[in-house]
N, C-alpha and C. Protein backbone atom coordinates (compact mmCIF):
# COMPACT_ATOMS: atom_id res chain seq x y z
N MET A 1 13.35 -3.27 8.13
CA MET A 1 11.75 -3.28 8.06
C MET A 1 11.27 -3.17 9.54
N LYS A 2 11.84 -4.04 10.31
CA LYS A 2 11.23 -3.99 11.84
C LYS A 2 11.59 -2.43 12.43
N GLU A 3 12.53 -1.81 12.00
CA GLU A 3 12.55 -0.46 12.56
C GLU A 3 11.39 0.53 12.06
N LEU A 4 11.14 0.35 11.04
CA LEU A 4 9.93 0.93 10.28
C LEU A 4 8.60 0.68 10.90
N LEU A 5 8.48 -0.47 11.06
CA LEU A 5 7.32 -1.07 11.66
C LEU A 5 7.06 -0.47 13.20
N THR A 6 8.16 -0.63 13.80
CA THR A 6 8.22 -0.15 15.00
C THR A 6 7.74 1.44 15.16
N ILE A 7 8.31 2.09 14.30
CA ILE A 7 8.03 3.53 14.29
C ILE A 7 6.59 3.74 14.08
N ILE A 8 6.16 3.18 12.89
CA ILE A 8 4.73 3.19 12.55
C ILE A 8 3.94 2.91 13.63
N GLU A 9 4.06 1.76 14.56
CA GLU A 9 3.20 1.52 15.68
C GLU A 9 3.30 2.56 16.63
N GLU A 10 4.41 3.13 16.97
CA GLU A 10 4.58 4.43 17.74
C GLU A 10 3.96 5.70 17.36
N MET A 11 3.84 5.83 15.97
CA MET A 11 2.82 6.96 15.56
C MET A 11 1.58 6.57 15.88
N ARG A 12 1.11 5.25 15.68
CA ARG A 12 -0.21 5.14 16.15
C ARG A 12 -0.71 5.10 17.67
N ARG A 13 0.20 4.52 18.35
CA ARG A 13 0.12 4.50 20.00
C ARG A 13 -0.01 6.02 20.52
N THR A 14 0.62 6.90 19.89
CA THR A 14 0.75 8.20 20.33
C THR A 14 -0.51 9.03 19.71
N GLY A 15 -1.14 8.53 18.73
CA GLY A 15 -2.21 9.09 18.17
C GLY A 15 -2.01 10.05 17.00
N LEU A 16 -0.75 10.03 16.39
CA LEU A 16 -0.34 10.67 15.46
C LEU A 16 -1.21 10.39 14.07
N ILE A 17 -1.31 8.99 14.11
CA ILE A 17 -1.97 8.33 12.98
C ILE A 17 -2.86 7.50 13.55
N SER A 18 -4.16 7.36 12.88
CA SER A 18 -5.25 6.47 13.36
C SER A 18 -5.25 5.15 12.93
N ASP A 19 -4.82 4.88 11.73
CA ASP A 19 -4.54 3.80 11.04
C ASP A 19 -3.47 3.78 9.98
N TYR A 20 -3.14 2.64 9.52
CA TYR A 20 -2.16 2.66 8.55
C TYR A 20 -2.06 1.28 7.70
N ALA A 21 -1.58 1.06 6.56
CA ALA A 21 -1.35 -0.23 5.93
C ALA A 21 -0.13 0.04 5.01
N LEU A 22 0.38 -0.90 4.98
CA LEU A 22 1.67 -1.06 3.92
C LEU A 22 0.93 -1.12 2.47
N GLY A 23 1.61 -0.54 1.56
CA GLY A 23 1.10 -0.57 0.16
C GLY A 23 1.91 -0.95 -0.70
N GLY A 24 1.61 -0.89 -2.08
CA GLY A 24 2.56 -0.94 -3.12
C GLY A 24 3.30 -2.40 -3.12
N ALA A 25 4.50 -2.43 -3.92
CA ALA A 25 5.45 -3.76 -3.99
C ALA A 25 5.71 -4.24 -2.62
N THR A 26 5.76 -3.53 -1.76
CA THR A 26 6.16 -4.18 -0.49
C THR A 26 5.07 -5.00 0.26
N ALA A 27 3.82 -4.42 0.12
CA ALA A 27 2.56 -5.40 0.33
C ALA A 27 2.45 -6.58 -0.36
N LEU A 28 2.74 -6.44 -1.70
CA LEU A 28 2.50 -7.36 -2.57
C LEU A 28 3.56 -8.62 -2.39
N ILE A 29 4.96 -8.35 -1.75
CA ILE A 29 5.67 -9.33 -1.45
C ILE A 29 5.05 -10.03 -0.38
N TYR A 30 4.26 -9.72 0.37
CA TYR A 30 3.83 -10.67 1.46
C TYR A 30 3.11 -11.86 0.90
N TYR A 31 2.26 -11.51 -0.26
CA TYR A 31 1.56 -12.55 -0.79
C TYR A 31 2.23 -13.48 -1.98
N PHE A 32 3.28 -12.90 -2.50
CA PHE A 32 3.95 -13.32 -3.60
C PHE A 32 5.33 -13.33 -3.56
N GLU A 33 5.91 -14.05 -4.55
CA GLU A 33 7.53 -14.06 -4.30
C GLU A 33 8.28 -12.46 -4.45
N PRO A 34 9.33 -12.54 -3.71
CA PRO A 34 10.07 -11.32 -3.74
C PRO A 34 10.59 -10.88 -4.83
N PHE A 35 10.55 -9.40 -5.26
CA PHE A 35 11.15 -8.83 -6.39
C PHE A 35 11.52 -7.53 -5.92
N THR A 36 12.39 -6.89 -6.89
CA THR A 36 12.96 -5.54 -6.46
C THR A 36 11.97 -4.50 -6.25
N THR A 37 12.05 -3.53 -5.46
CA THR A 37 11.26 -2.27 -5.27
C THR A 37 12.16 -1.33 -4.60
N VAL A 38 11.83 -0.01 -5.18
CA VAL A 38 12.77 0.83 -4.72
C VAL A 38 12.44 1.43 -3.30
N ASP A 39 11.23 1.42 -2.99
CA ASP A 39 10.77 2.08 -1.64
C ASP A 39 9.56 1.26 -0.90
N VAL A 40 9.12 1.63 0.21
CA VAL A 40 8.21 1.26 1.01
C VAL A 40 7.01 2.15 1.09
N ASP A 41 5.93 1.80 0.56
CA ASP A 41 4.86 2.75 0.62
C ASP A 41 4.03 2.32 1.83
N VAL A 42 3.66 3.47 2.50
CA VAL A 42 2.93 3.52 3.73
C VAL A 42 1.81 4.32 3.70
N PHE A 43 0.53 3.74 3.66
CA PHE A 43 -0.55 4.69 3.78
C PHE A 43 -0.94 4.94 5.23
N VAL A 44 -1.00 6.23 5.56
CA VAL A 44 -1.54 6.48 6.92
C VAL A 44 -2.65 7.45 7.00
N VAL A 45 -3.36 7.09 7.70
CA VAL A 45 -4.61 7.78 8.11
C VAL A 45 -4.42 8.94 9.09
N LEU A 46 -4.08 10.05 9.06
CA LEU A 46 -3.73 11.21 9.99
C LEU A 46 -4.84 11.29 10.97
N SER A 47 -4.61 11.40 12.27
CA SER A 47 -5.46 11.87 13.36
C SER A 47 -5.48 13.43 13.45
N ASN A 48 -6.79 13.75 13.54
CA ASN A 48 -7.01 15.24 13.78
C ASN A 48 -6.90 16.04 12.57
N GLN A 49 -7.00 15.36 11.26
CA GLN A 49 -6.78 16.11 10.12
C GLN A 49 -8.02 16.53 9.74
N GLU A 50 -8.20 17.84 9.56
CA GLU A 50 -9.36 18.62 9.15
C GLU A 50 -9.16 19.43 7.71
N GLY A 51 -10.17 19.41 7.08
CA GLY A 51 -10.18 20.11 5.85
C GLY A 51 -9.35 19.24 4.51
N THR A 52 -9.13 20.09 3.49
CA THR A 52 -8.94 19.07 2.34
C THR A 52 -7.42 19.02 2.04
N LEU A 53 -6.68 20.32 2.67
CA LEU A 53 -5.26 20.18 2.59
C LEU A 53 -4.74 19.29 3.58
N VAL A 54 -3.81 18.44 3.05
CA VAL A 54 -3.02 17.39 3.92
C VAL A 54 -1.78 17.77 4.41
N ASN A 55 -1.37 17.70 5.64
CA ASN A 55 -0.35 18.31 6.24
C ASN A 55 0.39 17.19 6.84
N LEU A 56 1.53 16.72 6.20
CA LEU A 56 2.35 15.75 6.81
C LEU A 56 3.43 16.22 7.82
N ALA A 57 3.71 17.50 7.85
CA ALA A 57 4.61 18.00 8.93
C ALA A 57 4.64 17.35 10.07
N PRO A 58 3.59 17.04 10.55
CA PRO A 58 3.46 16.44 12.10
C PRO A 58 4.43 14.99 11.87
N ILE A 59 4.18 14.34 10.92
CA ILE A 59 4.78 12.87 10.78
C ILE A 59 6.14 13.34 10.55
N TYR A 60 6.70 14.24 9.80
CA TYR A 60 8.12 14.51 9.40
C TYR A 60 8.82 15.03 10.75
N SER A 61 8.04 15.78 11.57
CA SER A 61 8.71 16.22 12.89
C SER A 61 9.09 15.12 13.77
N PHE A 62 7.96 14.03 13.91
CA PHE A 62 7.96 12.96 14.65
C PHE A 62 9.23 12.01 14.23
N LEU A 63 9.31 12.04 12.85
CA LEU A 63 10.48 11.15 12.25
C LEU A 63 11.82 11.89 12.46
N SER A 64 11.81 13.08 12.45
CA SER A 64 13.13 13.89 12.60
C SER A 64 13.53 13.93 13.94
N ALA A 65 12.64 13.64 14.96
CA ALA A 65 13.03 13.62 16.37
C ALA A 65 13.51 12.26 16.85
N ARG A 66 13.36 11.38 15.81
CA ARG A 66 13.85 10.06 15.84
C ARG A 66 15.14 9.95 15.12
N GLY A 67 15.79 10.87 14.59
CA GLY A 67 16.84 10.66 13.83
C GLY A 67 16.66 10.41 12.28
N VAL A 68 15.30 10.19 12.01
CA VAL A 68 15.07 9.83 10.60
C VAL A 68 15.30 10.93 9.56
N VAL A 69 16.19 10.93 8.59
CA VAL A 69 16.36 12.01 7.52
C VAL A 69 15.36 11.81 6.37
N ALA A 70 15.08 13.00 5.75
CA ALA A 70 14.36 13.01 4.37
C ALA A 70 15.35 13.15 3.42
N ARG A 71 15.22 12.37 2.29
CA ARG A 71 15.85 12.64 1.02
C ARG A 71 14.88 12.64 -0.28
N ASN A 72 14.80 13.62 -0.76
CA ASN A 72 13.97 13.87 -1.91
C ASN A 72 12.50 13.59 -1.41
N GLU A 73 11.83 12.64 -1.99
CA GLU A 73 10.42 12.12 -1.83
C GLU A 73 10.37 11.31 -0.60
N TYR A 74 11.60 10.61 -0.19
CA TYR A 74 11.63 9.56 0.67
C TYR A 74 12.13 10.13 2.22
N VAL A 75 11.73 9.20 3.13
CA VAL A 75 12.58 9.38 4.49
C VAL A 75 13.22 7.93 4.41
N LEU A 76 14.44 8.12 4.98
CA LEU A 76 15.30 6.90 5.21
C LEU A 76 15.10 6.14 6.57
N VAL A 77 14.55 5.21 6.65
CA VAL A 77 14.28 4.42 8.01
C VAL A 77 15.09 3.11 8.09
N GLY A 78 16.16 3.12 8.86
CA GLY A 78 16.96 1.86 8.54
C GLY A 78 17.61 1.80 7.49
N GLY A 79 17.94 2.79 6.68
CA GLY A 79 18.42 2.64 5.43
C GLY A 79 17.47 2.43 4.19
N ILE A 80 16.22 2.16 4.57
CA ILE A 80 15.26 1.70 3.53
C ILE A 80 14.50 3.18 3.20
N PRO A 81 14.35 3.54 1.84
CA PRO A 81 13.39 4.56 1.42
C PRO A 81 12.11 4.30 1.57
N VAL A 82 11.42 5.38 2.27
CA VAL A 82 9.87 5.11 2.68
C VAL A 82 9.11 6.27 2.19
N GLN A 83 7.86 6.06 1.71
CA GLN A 83 7.10 7.13 1.37
C GLN A 83 5.80 6.94 2.33
N PHE A 84 5.49 8.13 3.04
CA PHE A 84 4.27 8.06 3.80
C PHE A 84 3.35 8.79 2.96
N LEU A 85 2.26 8.38 2.51
CA LEU A 85 1.08 8.73 1.95
C LEU A 85 -0.26 8.65 2.54
N VAL A 86 -1.00 9.48 2.42
CA VAL A 86 -2.40 9.59 2.67
C VAL A 86 -3.13 8.77 1.67
N PRO A 87 -4.25 8.20 2.18
CA PRO A 87 -4.92 7.39 0.95
C PRO A 87 -5.69 8.56 0.15
N TYR A 88 -5.45 8.42 -1.22
CA TYR A 88 -5.76 9.39 -2.03
C TYR A 88 -7.04 9.26 -2.84
N ASN A 89 -7.75 8.27 -2.67
CA ASN A 89 -9.05 8.06 -3.10
C ASN A 89 -9.94 6.81 -2.28
N GLN A 90 -11.17 6.59 -2.74
CA GLN A 90 -11.95 5.78 -1.98
C GLN A 90 -11.56 4.37 -2.02
N LEU A 91 -10.94 3.67 -2.83
CA LEU A 91 -10.22 2.54 -3.08
C LEU A 91 -9.36 2.33 -2.11
N VAL A 92 -8.18 3.24 -2.01
CA VAL A 92 -7.18 3.18 -1.11
C VAL A 92 -7.67 3.41 0.21
N GLU A 93 -8.73 4.16 0.54
CA GLU A 93 -9.00 4.22 1.85
C GLU A 93 -9.73 3.01 2.34
N GLU A 94 -10.56 2.45 1.51
CA GLU A 94 -11.17 0.98 1.70
C GLU A 94 -9.91 0.02 2.04
N SER A 95 -9.00 -0.03 1.17
CA SER A 95 -8.09 -1.16 1.41
C SER A 95 -7.20 -0.79 2.73
N VAL A 96 -7.10 0.37 3.19
CA VAL A 96 -6.53 0.52 4.61
C VAL A 96 -7.43 0.03 5.60
N LYS A 97 -8.86 0.39 5.52
CA LYS A 97 -9.60 -0.17 6.48
C LYS A 97 -9.76 -1.69 6.34
N ALA A 98 -9.52 -2.33 5.17
CA ALA A 98 -9.72 -3.73 5.19
C ALA A 98 -8.38 -4.46 5.54
N ALA A 99 -7.21 -3.66 5.93
CA ALA A 99 -6.12 -4.30 6.03
C ALA A 99 -6.10 -5.33 7.24
N GLN A 100 -5.28 -6.18 7.19
CA GLN A 100 -5.30 -7.46 8.09
C GLN A 100 -4.03 -7.33 8.84
N VAL A 101 -3.96 -7.70 10.12
CA VAL A 101 -2.46 -7.77 10.89
C VAL A 101 -1.97 -9.06 10.48
N VAL A 102 -0.68 -8.94 9.90
CA VAL A 102 0.11 -10.03 9.37
C VAL A 102 1.45 -10.23 9.92
N ASN A 103 2.22 -11.23 9.75
CA ASN A 103 3.45 -11.22 10.45
C ASN A 103 4.39 -11.30 9.17
N PHE A 104 5.05 -9.99 9.08
CA PHE A 104 5.76 -9.56 7.97
C PHE A 104 7.34 -9.69 8.51
N SER A 105 8.20 -10.59 8.15
CA SER A 105 9.45 -10.55 8.33
C SER A 105 9.77 -10.61 10.00
N GLY A 106 8.74 -11.41 10.55
CA GLY A 106 8.70 -11.47 11.98
C GLY A 106 8.10 -10.34 12.82
N THR A 107 7.54 -9.50 12.08
CA THR A 107 7.01 -8.30 12.92
C THR A 107 5.62 -8.13 12.52
N PRO A 108 4.60 -7.89 13.35
CA PRO A 108 3.21 -7.71 12.84
C PRO A 108 3.10 -6.31 12.06
N CYS A 109 2.36 -6.27 11.18
CA CYS A 109 2.18 -5.01 10.49
C CYS A 109 0.76 -5.35 9.81
N ARG A 110 0.10 -4.08 9.08
CA ARG A 110 -1.07 -4.11 8.42
C ARG A 110 -1.03 -4.19 7.16
N ILE A 111 -1.39 -5.21 6.36
CA ILE A 111 -1.49 -5.16 4.74
C ILE A 111 -2.70 -5.34 4.36
N PRO A 112 -3.13 -4.69 3.32
CA PRO A 112 -4.69 -4.91 2.66
C PRO A 112 -4.73 -6.33 1.92
N PRO A 113 -5.82 -6.85 1.96
CA PRO A 113 -6.22 -8.06 1.04
C PRO A 113 -5.51 -7.84 -0.33
N LEU A 114 -4.84 -9.06 -0.95
CA LEU A 114 -4.34 -9.13 -2.21
C LEU A 114 -5.31 -8.36 -3.15
N GLU A 115 -6.46 -8.64 -3.18
CA GLU A 115 -7.60 -8.20 -4.12
C GLU A 115 -7.57 -6.63 -4.16
N TYR A 116 -7.39 -6.05 -3.07
CA TYR A 116 -7.38 -4.59 -3.13
C TYR A 116 -6.03 -3.90 -3.73
N LEU A 117 -4.97 -4.94 -3.54
CA LEU A 117 -3.76 -4.46 -4.08
C LEU A 117 -3.67 -4.67 -5.60
N MET A 118 -4.58 -5.53 -6.12
CA MET A 118 -4.73 -5.77 -7.58
C MET A 118 -5.74 -4.84 -7.97
N ALA A 119 -6.53 -4.39 -7.26
CA ALA A 119 -7.62 -3.44 -7.98
C ALA A 119 -6.88 -1.97 -7.96
N ILE A 120 -5.95 -1.77 -7.03
CA ILE A 120 -5.19 -0.53 -6.99
C ILE A 120 -4.22 -0.59 -8.33
N MET A 121 -3.79 -1.70 -8.56
CA MET A 121 -2.67 -1.85 -9.87
C MET A 121 -3.70 -1.72 -11.17
N VAL A 122 -4.87 -2.11 -11.20
CA VAL A 122 -5.89 -1.90 -12.08
C VAL A 122 -5.98 -0.24 -12.36
N GLN A 123 -6.20 0.24 -11.22
CA GLN A 123 -6.65 1.78 -11.17
C GLN A 123 -5.22 2.49 -11.71
N THR A 124 -4.16 2.12 -11.17
CA THR A 124 -2.90 3.14 -11.63
C THR A 124 -2.54 2.72 -12.97
N GLY A 125 -2.48 1.47 -13.39
CA GLY A 125 -2.27 1.01 -14.70
C GLY A 125 -0.99 1.14 -15.39
N ARG A 126 0.04 1.26 -14.36
CA ARG A 126 1.41 1.43 -14.99
C ARG A 126 1.80 -0.03 -15.50
N ALA A 127 2.88 0.27 -16.43
CA ALA A 127 3.47 -1.13 -17.04
C ALA A 127 3.98 -2.11 -15.92
N LYS A 128 4.43 -1.64 -15.02
CA LYS A 128 4.88 -2.68 -13.95
C LYS A 128 3.70 -3.06 -13.37
N ASP A 129 2.70 -2.46 -13.00
CA ASP A 129 1.33 -2.97 -12.43
C ASP A 129 0.85 -3.98 -13.33
N LYS A 130 0.78 -3.78 -14.81
CA LYS A 130 0.27 -4.81 -15.62
C LYS A 130 1.21 -5.96 -15.55
N ALA A 131 2.29 -5.90 -15.56
CA ALA A 131 3.30 -7.17 -15.48
C ALA A 131 3.03 -7.94 -14.13
N ARG A 132 2.82 -7.32 -13.12
CA ARG A 132 2.47 -7.87 -11.66
C ARG A 132 1.30 -8.58 -11.88
N LEU A 133 0.34 -7.96 -12.62
CA LEU A 133 -1.03 -8.68 -12.75
C LEU A 133 -0.99 -9.82 -13.48
N GLU A 134 -0.20 -9.76 -14.42
CA GLU A 134 -0.14 -11.03 -15.43
C GLU A 134 0.67 -12.05 -14.57
N GLU A 135 1.69 -11.78 -13.89
CA GLU A 135 2.36 -12.82 -12.84
C GLU A 135 1.46 -13.45 -11.97
N LEU A 136 0.47 -12.51 -11.28
CA LEU A 136 -0.58 -13.09 -10.44
C LEU A 136 -1.53 -13.92 -10.92
N ALA A 137 -1.72 -13.70 -12.19
CA ALA A 137 -2.73 -14.59 -13.02
C ALA A 137 -2.18 -15.89 -13.08
N LYS A 138 -1.04 -16.30 -12.91
CA LYS A 138 -0.51 -17.66 -12.96
C LYS A 138 -0.74 -18.44 -11.87
N PHE A 139 -1.36 -17.77 -10.73
CA PHE A 139 -1.52 -18.27 -9.44
C PHE A 139 -2.90 -18.00 -8.89
N PRO A 140 -3.92 -18.59 -9.71
CA PRO A 140 -5.39 -18.03 -9.40
C PRO A 140 -5.75 -18.56 -7.82
N GLY A 141 -4.91 -19.46 -7.23
CA GLY A 141 -5.49 -19.70 -5.87
C GLY A 141 -4.87 -18.78 -4.93
N LEU A 142 -4.35 -17.80 -5.39
CA LEU A 142 -3.66 -16.66 -4.30
C LEU A 142 -4.83 -15.62 -4.22
N PHE A 143 -5.75 -15.38 -5.02
CA PHE A 143 -6.81 -14.45 -4.77
C PHE A 143 -8.16 -14.76 -5.08
N LYS A 144 -9.14 -14.02 -4.68
CA LYS A 144 -10.41 -14.47 -5.00
C LYS A 144 -10.92 -13.55 -6.20
N ARG A 145 -11.16 -14.09 -7.23
CA ARG A 145 -11.43 -13.63 -8.57
C ARG A 145 -12.77 -12.77 -8.39
N ASP A 146 -13.78 -13.41 -7.75
CA ASP A 146 -15.05 -12.78 -7.53
C ASP A 146 -14.84 -11.33 -7.06
N PHE A 147 -14.13 -11.54 -5.79
CA PHE A 147 -14.03 -10.33 -5.05
C PHE A 147 -13.30 -9.16 -5.62
N LEU A 148 -12.09 -9.43 -6.43
CA LEU A 148 -11.29 -8.70 -7.31
C LEU A 148 -12.28 -8.17 -8.36
N GLU A 149 -13.23 -8.76 -8.95
CA GLU A 149 -14.07 -8.17 -10.08
C GLU A 149 -15.27 -7.23 -9.29
N SER A 150 -15.56 -7.66 -8.09
CA SER A 150 -16.66 -6.86 -7.47
C SER A 150 -15.88 -5.50 -6.98
N LEU A 151 -14.53 -5.40 -6.62
CA LEU A 151 -13.83 -3.96 -6.44
C LEU A 151 -13.79 -3.43 -7.62
N ILE A 152 -13.54 -4.26 -8.83
CA ILE A 152 -13.31 -3.57 -10.18
C ILE A 152 -14.66 -2.74 -10.57
N SER A 153 -15.64 -3.46 -10.18
CA SER A 153 -17.08 -2.74 -10.54
C SER A 153 -17.34 -1.66 -9.72
N LYS A 154 -17.33 -1.95 -8.44
CA LYS A 154 -17.59 -0.81 -7.38
C LYS A 154 -16.93 0.32 -7.68
N TYR A 155 -15.69 0.10 -8.12
CA TYR A 155 -14.76 1.49 -8.17
C TYR A 155 -14.69 1.91 -9.72
N LYS A 156 -15.61 1.46 -10.48
CA LYS A 156 -15.89 1.76 -11.84
C LYS A 156 -14.50 1.72 -12.72
N LEU A 157 -13.73 0.45 -12.53
CA LEU A 157 -12.57 0.22 -13.14
C LEU A 157 -12.85 -0.71 -14.34
N ASP A 158 -13.94 -0.89 -14.87
CA ASP A 158 -14.24 -2.08 -15.64
C ASP A 158 -13.42 -1.86 -17.16
N GLU A 159 -13.63 -0.43 -17.59
CA GLU A 159 -12.77 -0.34 -18.80
C GLU A 159 -11.35 -0.37 -18.88
N ARG A 160 -10.92 0.16 -17.67
CA ARG A 160 -9.56 -0.12 -17.57
C ARG A 160 -8.98 -1.57 -17.27
N TRP A 161 -9.92 -2.40 -16.58
CA TRP A 161 -9.73 -3.75 -16.48
C TRP A 161 -9.81 -4.47 -17.93
N GLN A 162 -10.73 -4.17 -18.63
CA GLN A 162 -10.82 -4.81 -19.85
C GLN A 162 -9.46 -4.36 -20.71
N LYS A 163 -9.19 -3.25 -20.63
CA LYS A 163 -7.99 -2.80 -21.57
C LYS A 163 -6.67 -3.64 -21.05
N ILE A 164 -6.55 -3.52 -19.81
CA ILE A 164 -5.27 -4.31 -19.20
C ILE A 164 -5.50 -5.92 -19.69
N ARG A 165 -6.64 -6.51 -19.57
CA ARG A 165 -6.71 -7.87 -19.86
C ARG A 165 -6.55 -8.12 -21.47
N SER A 166 -6.74 -7.15 -22.22
CA SER A 166 -6.46 -7.13 -23.64
C SER A 166 -4.95 -7.08 -23.81
N GLU A 167 -4.33 -6.71 -22.85
CA GLU A 167 -2.72 -6.47 -23.21
C GLU A 167 -1.93 -7.41 -22.50
N ILE A 168 -2.34 -8.32 -21.66
CA ILE A 168 -1.73 -9.11 -20.70
C ILE A 168 -2.40 -10.71 -20.84
N VAL A 169 -1.81 -11.57 -20.54
CA VAL A 169 -2.54 -12.80 -20.39
C VAL A 169 -3.07 -13.11 -18.82
N PHE A 170 -4.35 -12.89 -18.94
CA PHE A 170 -4.96 -13.03 -17.52
C PHE A 170 -6.38 -13.81 -17.81
N PRO A 171 -6.35 -15.13 -17.80
CA PRO A 171 -7.55 -15.97 -18.11
C PRO A 171 -8.71 -15.63 -17.31
């Protein structure tokens, strides 16, 4: 993980990306107990990106020059499968902007507040997201419920949230 975070910081320092945040299960592990995940999701805000078509070629060139190889939809950094993703909607964009620098496995990195991760899980609504939301509900002190509900309302996820709550135990 340290190798990945070093590479990301180098991308930021050189201006290839202007911002980033770890996302998905890896970010969630910071707040919650470890569990198995296939890859590390890294949301990157590309510098000098114009238009609506996203071009990740500069990132892949940067990685290739450092010996990182691509395999299917991943790149392998220190043996860890990684997906570099651009924020694909306003909620994810805001989560990257709100990310805080934290100490992750002894290395500083940027992770969104837990409430953003939870709102993204509501938005995606996959079975594994529902299961994680149900687990998080057992520890209400981990998150600010009012803030979570404000994000759900802001991003018009109320119907999805009510559906998920009808399927899981979330008091």
